[in-house]
Amino acid sequence: MDKETAKCIEIMRNLVSDIQGAPYPGEEMKSELYSIWYEHVQRDAVNAFEYLDEHFTDKNEIKKTIDKLFK
């Protein structure tokens, strides 16, 4: 696996991890907890998009790279 793909996988794992840890929206949930979670998810989403834009500008190349991961 090349360096760019490994970094991409790390960024995506961080994003998915943050999304999985989302607080359940209910009456007892404090807005501070949601704000902290939201900031983490937004940070990781921006990092993911920036990395993809910088290193995988060709959409066909992204598809090929993703396909290689699942072989």
PDB file of N, CA and C in Angstrom:
ATOM      1  N   MET A   1       0.856  -1.164   0.000  1.00  0.00           N
ATOM      2  CA  MET A   1       0.000   0.000   0.000  1.00  0.00           C
ATOM      3  C   MET A   1       0.906   1.232   0.000  1.00  0.00           C
ATOM      4  N   ASP A   2       0.579   2.191  -0.856  1.00  0.00           N
ATOM      5  CA  ASP A   2       1.409   3.383  -0.912  1.00  0.00           C
ATOM      6  C   ASP A   2       1.084   4.351   0.239  1.00  0.00           C
ATOM      7  N   LYS A   3       1.958   5.325   0.410  1.00  0.00           N
ATOM      8  CA  LYS A   3       1.873   6.267   1.530  1.00  0.00           C
ATOM      9  C   LYS A   3       0.572   7.084   1.492  1.00  0.00           C
ATOM     10  N   GLU A   4       0.171   7.545   0.308  1.00  0.00           N
ATOM     11  CA  GLU A   4      -1.042   8.354   0.179  1.00  0.00           C
ATOM     12  C   GLU A   4      -2.291   7.559   0.553  1.00  0.00           C
ATOM     13  N   THR A   5      -2.358   6.324   0.120  1.00  0.00           N
ATOM     14  CA  THR A   5      -3.506   5.477   0.437  1.00  0.00           C
ATOM     15  C   THR A   5      -3.571   5.189   1.931  1.00  0.00           C
ATOM     16  N   ALA A   6      -2.419   4.917   2.539  1.00  0.00           N
ATOM     17  CA  ALA A   6      -2.382   4.648   3.977  1.00  0.00           C
ATOM     18  C   ALA A   6      -2.860   5.866   4.770  1.00  0.00           C
ATOM     19  N   LYS A   7      -2.430   7.051   4.371  1.00  0.00           N
ATOM     20  CA  LYS A   7      -2.854   8.280   5.047  1.00  0.00           C
ATOM     21  C   LYS A   7      -4.349   8.501   4.860  1.00  0.00           C
ATOM     22  N   CYS A   8      -4.848   8.239   3.664  1.00  0.00           N
ATOM     23  CA  CYS A   8      -6.278   8.374   3.373  1.00  0.00           C
ATOM     24  C   CYS A   8      -7.092   7.444   4.269  1.00  0.00           C
ATOM     25  N   ILE A   9      -6.642   6.227   4.418  1.00  0.00           N
ATOM     26  CA  ILE A   9      -7.340   5.254   5.263  1.00  0.00           C
ATOM     27  C   ILE A   9      -7.359   5.733   6.715  1.00  0.00           C
ATOM     28  N   GLU A  10      -6.241   6.266   7.182  1.00  0.00           N
ATOM     29  CA  GLU A  10      -6.180   6.779   8.556  1.00  0.00           C
ATOM     30  C   GLU A  10      -7.178   7.923   8.762  1.00  0.00           C
ATOM     31  N   ILE A  11      -7.237   8.842   7.816  1.00  0.00           N
ATOM     32  CA  ILE A  11      -8.164   9.978   7.912  1.00  0.00           C
ATOM     33  C   ILE A  11      -9.607   9.499   7.902  1.00  0.00           C
ATOM     34  N   MET A  12      -9.919   8.573   7.022  1.00  0.00           N
ATOM     35  CA  MET A  12     -11.292   8.059   6.946  1.00  0.00           C
ATOM     36  C   MET A  12     -11.670   7.302   8.215  1.00  0.00           C
ATOM     37  N   ARG A  13     -10.734   6.555   8.780  1.00  0.00           N
ATOM     38  CA  ARG A  13     -11.011   5.847  10.037  1.00  0.00           C
ATOM     39  C   ARG A  13     -11.319   6.830  11.160  1.00  0.00           C
ATOM     40  N   ASN A  14     -10.572   7.931  11.218  1.00  0.00           N
ATOM     41  CA  ASN A  14     -10.843   8.960  12.223  1.00  0.00           C
ATOM     42  C   ASN A  14     -12.241   9.538  12.050  1.00  0.00           C
ATOM     43  N   LEU A  15     -12.610   9.800  10.815  1.00  0.00           N
ATOM     44  CA  LEU A  15     -13.930  10.365  10.544  1.00  0.00           C
ATOM     45  C   LEU A  15     -15.035   9.388  10.936  1.00  0.00           C
ATOM     46  N   VAL A  16     -14.906   8.140  10.536  1.00  0.00           N
ATOM     47  CA  VAL A  16     -15.911   7.126  10.862  1.00  0.00           C
ATOM     48  C   VAL A  16     -15.987   6.921  12.372  1.00  0.00           C
ATOM     49  N   SER A  17     -14.848   6.919  13.035  1.00  0.00           N
ATOM     50  CA  SER A  17     -14.831   6.769  14.484  1.00  0.00           C
ATOM     51  C   SER A  17     -15.595   7.894  15.168  1.00  0.00           C
ATOM     52  N   ASP A  18     -15.379   9.115  14.709  1.00  0.00           N
ATOM     53  CA  ASP A  18     -16.110  10.258  15.273  1.00  0.00           C
ATOM     54  C   ASP A  18     -17.601  10.141  15.021  1.00  0.00           C
ATOM     55  N   ILE A  19     -17.968   9.715  13.835  1.00  0.00           N
ATOM     56  CA  ILE A  19     -19.397   9.587  13.505  1.00  0.00           C
ATOM     57  C   ILE A  19     -20.034   8.493  14.357  1.00  0.00           C
ATOM     58  N   GLN A  20     -19.325   7.381  14.552  1.00  0.00           N
ATOM     59  CA  GLN A  20     -19.864   6.294  15.367  1.00  0.00           C
ATOM     60  C   GLN A  20     -20.055   6.718  16.815  1.00  0.00           C
ATOM     61  N   GLY A  21     -19.249   7.653  17.277  1.00  0.00           N
ATOM     62  CA  GLY A  21     -19.345   8.116  18.653  1.00  0.00           C
ATOM     63  C   GLY A  21     -20.320   9.262  18.837  1.00  0.00           C
ATOM     64  N   ALA A  22     -21.188   9.455  17.872  1.00  0.00           N
ATOM     65  CA  ALA A  22     -22.138  10.564  17.938  1.00  0.00           C
ATOM     66  C   ALA A  22     -23.043  10.433  19.150  1.00  0.00           C
ATOM     67  N   PRO A  23     -23.239  11.530  19.868  1.00  0.00           N
ATOM     68  CA  PRO A  23     -24.161  11.484  21.011  1.00  0.00           C
ATOM     69  C   PRO A  23     -25.594  11.327  20.530  1.00  0.00           C
ATOM     70  N   TYR A  24     -26.362  10.595  21.283  1.00  0.00           N
ATOM     71  CA  TYR A  24     -27.763  10.396  20.931  1.00  0.00           C
ATOM     72  C   TYR A  24     -28.536  11.682  21.230  1.00  0.00           C
ATOM     73  N   PRO A  25     -29.212  12.228  20.232  1.00  0.00           N
ATOM     74  CA  PRO A  25     -29.940  13.481  20.456  1.00  0.00           C
ATOM     75  C   PRO A  25     -31.207  13.244  21.270  1.00  0.00           C
ATOM     76  N   GLY A  26     -31.178  13.651  22.492  1.00  0.00           N
ATOM     77  CA  GLY A  26     -32.341  13.511  23.358  1.00  0.00           C
ATOM     78  C   GLY A  26     -32.440  14.705  24.278  1.00  0.00           C
ATOM     79  N   GLU A  27     -33.464  14.711  25.070  1.00  0.00           N
ATOM     80  CA  GLU A  27     -33.678  15.839  25.964  1.00  0.00           C
ATOM     81  C   GLU A  27     -32.576  15.969  27.002  1.00  0.00           C
ATOM     82  N   GLU A  28     -32.027  14.833  27.455  1.00  0.00           N
ATOM     83  CA  GLU A  28     -31.017  14.890  28.499  1.00  0.00           C
ATOM     84  C   GLU A  28     -29.620  15.196  27.972  1.00  0.00           C
ATOM     85  N   MET A  29     -29.452  15.221  26.667  1.00  0.00           N
ATOM     86  CA  MET A  29     -28.144  15.499  26.095  1.00  0.00           C
ATOM     87  C   MET A  29     -27.827  16.989  26.246  1.00  0.00           C
ATOM     88  N   LYS A  30     -26.659  17.266  26.745  1.00  0.00           N
ATOM     89  CA  LYS A  30     -26.247  18.650  26.926  1.00  0.00           C
ATOM     90  C   LYS A  30     -25.701  19.195  25.613  1.00  0.00           C
ATOM     91  N   SER A  31     -25.979  20.463  25.368  1.00  0.00           N
ATOM     92  CA  SER A  31     -25.519  21.067  24.118  1.00  0.00           C
ATOM     93  C   SER A  31     -23.992  21.116  24.049  1.00  0.00           C
ATOM     94  N   GLU A  32     -23.322  21.180  25.197  1.00  0.00           N
ATOM     95  CA  GLU A  32     -21.863  21.206  25.217  1.00  0.00           C
ATOM     96  C   GLU A  32     -21.293  19.899  24.657  1.00  0.00           C
ATOM     97  N   LEU A  33     -21.871  18.773  25.037  1.00  0.00           N
ATOM     98  CA  LEU A  33     -21.430  17.476  24.530  1.00  0.00           C
ATOM     99  C   LEU A  33     -21.603  17.409  23.018  1.00  0.00           C
ATOM    100  N   TYR A  34     -22.755  17.860  22.536  1.00  0.00           N
ATOM    101  CA  TYR A  34     -22.999  17.858  21.094  1.00  0.00           C
ATOM    102  C   TYR A  34     -22.006  18.772  20.382  1.00  0.00           C
ATOM    103  N   SER A  35     -21.745  19.934  20.943  1.00  0.00           N
ATOM    104  CA  SER A  35     -20.817  20.888  20.329  1.00  0.00           C
ATOM    105  C   SER A  35     -19.422  20.299  20.202  1.00  0.00           C
ATOM    106  N   ILE A  36     -18.969  19.622  21.239  1.00  0.00           N
ATOM    107  CA  ILE A  36     -17.642  18.995  21.209  1.00  0.00           C
ATOM    108  C   ILE A  36     -17.598  17.922  20.124  1.00  0.00           C
ATOM    109  N   TRP A  37     -18.613  17.066  20.099  1.00  0.00           N
ATOM    110  CA  TRP A  37     -18.660  16.015  19.080  1.00  0.00           C
ATOM    111  C   TRP A  37     -18.698  16.632  17.689  1.00  0.00           C
ATOM    112  N   TYR A  38     -19.530  17.643  17.500  1.00  0.00           N
ATOM    113  CA  TYR A  38     -19.698  18.273  16.191  1.00  0.00           C
ATOM    114  C   TYR A  38     -18.374  18.872  15.708  1.00  0.00           C
ATOM    115  N   GLU A  39     -17.640  19.521  16.596  1.00  0.00           N
ATOM    116  CA  GLU A  39     -16.350  20.103  16.220  1.00  0.00           C
ATOM    117  C   GLU A  39     -15.382  19.020  15.745  1.00  0.00           C
ATOM    118  N   HIS A  40     -15.359  17.884  16.431  1.00  0.00           N
ATOM    119  CA  HIS A  40     -14.464  16.788  16.040  1.00  0.00           C
ATOM    120  C   HIS A  40     -14.836  16.239  14.670  1.00  0.00           C
ATOM    121  N   VAL A  41     -16.116  16.027  14.458  1.00  0.00           N
ATOM    122  CA  VAL A  41     -16.563  15.481  13.170  1.00  0.00           C
ATOM    123  C   VAL A  41     -16.271  16.461  12.038  1.00  0.00           C
ATOM    124  N   GLN A  42     -16.543  17.727  12.260  1.00  0.00           N
ATOM    125  CA  GLN A  42     -16.276  18.724  11.227  1.00  0.00           C
ATOM    126  C   GLN A  42     -14.790  18.805  10.902  1.00  0.00           C
ATOM    127  N   ARG A  43     -13.946  18.774  11.930  1.00  0.00           N
ATOM    128  CA  ARG A  43     -12.496  18.820  11.719  1.00  0.00           C
ATOM    129  C   ARG A  43     -12.041  17.635  10.863  1.00  0.00           C
ATOM    130  N   ASP A  44     -12.500  16.440  11.223  1.00  0.00           N
ATOM    131  CA  ASP A  44     -12.078  15.256  10.483  1.00  0.00           C
ATOM    132  C   ASP A  44     -12.664  15.221   9.076  1.00  0.00           C
ATOM    133  N   ALA A  45     -13.881  15.718   8.910  1.00  0.00           N
ATOM    134  CA  ALA A  45     -14.477  15.773   7.565  1.00  0.00           C
ATOM    135  C   ALA A  45     -13.702  16.737   6.672  1.00  0.00           C
ATOM    136  N   VAL A  46     -13.347  17.890   7.188  1.00  0.00           N
ATOM    137  CA  VAL A  46     -12.562  18.856   6.414  1.00  0.00           C
ATOM    138  C   VAL A  46     -11.202  18.256   6.061  1.00  0.00           C
ATOM    139  N   ASN A  47     -10.557  17.603   7.029  1.00  0.00           N
ATOM    140  CA  ASN A  47      -9.271  16.956   6.756  1.00  0.00           C
ATOM    141  C   ASN A  47      -9.408  15.917   5.650  1.00  0.00           C
ATOM    142  N   ALA A  48     -10.478  15.138   5.702  1.00  0.00           N
ATOM    143  CA  ALA A  48     -10.695  14.099   4.683  1.00  0.00           C
ATOM    144  C   ALA A  48     -10.888  14.719   3.301  1.00  0.00           C
ATOM    145  N   PHE A  49     -11.753  15.713   3.201  1.00  0.00           N
ATOM    146  CA  PHE A  49     -11.995  16.353   1.903  1.00  0.00           C
ATOM    147  C   PHE A  49     -10.729  17.018   1.365  1.00  0.00           C
ATOM    148  N   GLU A  50      -9.993  17.715   2.224  1.00  0.00           N
ATOM    149  CA  GLU A  50      -8.764  18.375   1.775  1.00  0.00           C
ATOM    150  C   GLU A  50      -7.740  17.354   1.293  1.00  0.00           C
ATOM    151  N   TYR A  51      -7.606  16.268   2.019  1.00  0.00           N
ATOM    152  CA  TYR A  51      -6.643  15.240   1.622  1.00  0.00           C
ATOM    153  C   TYR A  51      -7.035  14.615   0.280  1.00  0.00           C
ATOM    154  N   LEU A  52      -8.317  14.298   0.137  1.00  0.00           N
ATOM    155  CA  LEU A  52      -8.772  13.713  -1.126  1.00  0.00           C
ATOM    156  C   LEU A  52      -8.571  14.683  -2.284  1.00  0.00           C
ATOM    157  N   ASP A  53      -8.901  15.955  -2.071  1.00  0.00           N
ATOM    158  CA  ASP A  53      -8.717  16.946  -3.132  1.00  0.00           C
ATOM    159  C   ASP A  53      -7.256  17.109  -3.518  1.00  0.00           C
ATOM    160  N   GLU A  54      -6.379  17.050  -2.540  1.00  0.00           N
ATOM    161  CA  GLU A  54      -4.957  17.247  -2.800  1.00  0.00           C
ATOM    162  C   GLU A  54      -4.300  16.037  -3.456  1.00  0.00           C
ATOM    163  N   HIS A  55      -4.668  14.837  -3.011  1.00  0.00           N
ATOM    164  CA  HIS A  55      -3.946  13.646  -3.456  1.00  0.00           C
ATOM    165  C   HIS A  55      -4.694  12.774  -4.456  1.00  0.00           C
ATOM    166  N   PHE A  56      -5.971  12.976  -4.600  1.00  0.00           N
ATOM    167  CA  PHE A  56      -6.763  12.141  -5.506  1.00  0.00           C
ATOM    168  C   PHE A  56      -7.656  13.035  -6.360  1.00  0.00           C
ATOM    169  N   THR A  57      -7.029  13.845  -7.200  1.00  0.00           N
ATOM    170  CA  THR A  57      -7.784  14.800  -8.004  1.00  0.00           C
ATOM    171  C   THR A  57      -8.575  14.128  -9.122  1.00  0.00           C
ATOM    172  N   ASP A  58      -8.096  13.008  -9.600  1.00  0.00           N
ATOM    173  CA  ASP A  58      -8.774  12.289 -10.672  1.00  0.00           C
ATOM    174  C   ASP A  58      -9.768  11.297 -10.063  1.00  0.00           C
ATOM    175  N   LYS A  59     -11.057  11.483 -10.332  1.00  0.00           N
ATOM    176  CA  LYS A  59     -12.084  10.616  -9.742  1.00  0.00           C
ATOM    177  C   LYS A  59     -11.911   9.156 -10.153  1.00  0.00           C
ATOM    178  N   ASN A  60     -11.434   8.922 -11.353  1.00  0.00           N
ATOM    179  CA  ASN A  60     -11.191   7.547 -11.782  1.00  0.00           C
ATOM    180  C   ASN A  60     -10.082   6.909 -10.958  1.00  0.00           C
ATOM    181  N   GLU A  61      -9.087   7.723 -10.583  1.00  0.00           N
ATOM    182  CA  GLU A  61      -7.997   7.207  -9.760  1.00  0.00           C
ATOM    183  C   GLU A  61      -8.498   6.840  -8.368  1.00  0.00           C
ATOM    184  N   ILE A  62      -9.406   7.647  -7.821  1.00  0.00           N
ATOM    185  CA  ILE A  62      -9.990   7.342  -6.513  1.00  0.00           C
ATOM    186  C   ILE A  62     -10.708   6.008  -6.569  1.00  0.00           C
ATOM    187  N   LYS A  63     -11.509   5.804  -7.609  1.00  0.00           N
ATOM    188  CA  LYS A  63     -12.258   4.553  -7.735  1.00  0.00           C
ATOM    189  C   LYS A  63     -11.297   3.372  -7.833  1.00  0.00           C
ATOM    190  N   LYS A  64     -10.242   3.522  -8.620  1.00  0.00           N
ATOM    191  CA  LYS A  64      -9.259   2.437  -8.749  1.00  0.00           C
ATOM    192  C   LYS A  64      -8.603   2.138  -7.401  1.00  0.00           C
ATOM    193  N   THR A  65      -8.253   3.200  -6.666  1.00  0.00           N
ATOM    194  CA  THR A  65      -7.605   3.024  -5.364  1.00  0.00           C
ATOM    195  C   THR A  65      -8.542   2.332  -4.393  1.00  0.00           C
ATOM    196  N   ILE A  66      -9.788   2.759  -4.352  1.00  0.00           N
ATOM    197  CA  ILE A  66     -10.777   2.133  -3.466  1.00  0.00           C
ATOM    198  C   ILE A  66     -11.002   0.686  -3.860  1.00  0.00           C
ATOM    199  N   ASP A  67     -11.093   0.421  -5.159  1.00  0.00           N
ATOM    200  CA  ASP A  67     -11.277  -0.960  -5.626  1.00  0.00           C
ATOM    201  C   ASP A  67     -10.108  -1.846  -5.185  1.00  0.00           C
ATOM    202  N   LYS A  68      -8.891  -1.309  -5.203  1.00  0.00           N
ATOM    203  CA  LYS A  68      -7.713  -2.084  -4.781  1.00  0.00           C
ATOM    204  C   LYS A  68      -7.798  -2.455  -3.312  1.00  0.00           C
ATOM    205  N   LEU A  69      -8.383  -1.567  -2.512  1.00  0.00           N
ATOM    206  CA  LEU A  69      -8.477  -1.836  -1.078  1.00  0.00           C
ATOM    207  C   LEU A  69      -9.375  -3.040  -0.771  1.00  0.00           C
ATOM    208  N   PHE A  70     -10.353  -3.297  -1.623  1.00  0.00           N
ATOM    209  CA  PHE A  70     -11.321  -4.351  -1.363  1.00  0.00           C
ATOM    210  C   PHE A  70     -11.047  -5.622  -2.134  1.00  0.00           C
ATOM    211  N   LYS A  71      -9.876  -5.752  -2.721  1.00  0.00           N
ATOM    212  CA  LYS A  71      -9.523  -6.980  -3.451  1.00  0.00           C
ATOM    213  C   LYS A  71      -8.839  -7.942  -2.526  1.00  0.00           C
TER     214      LYS A  71
END
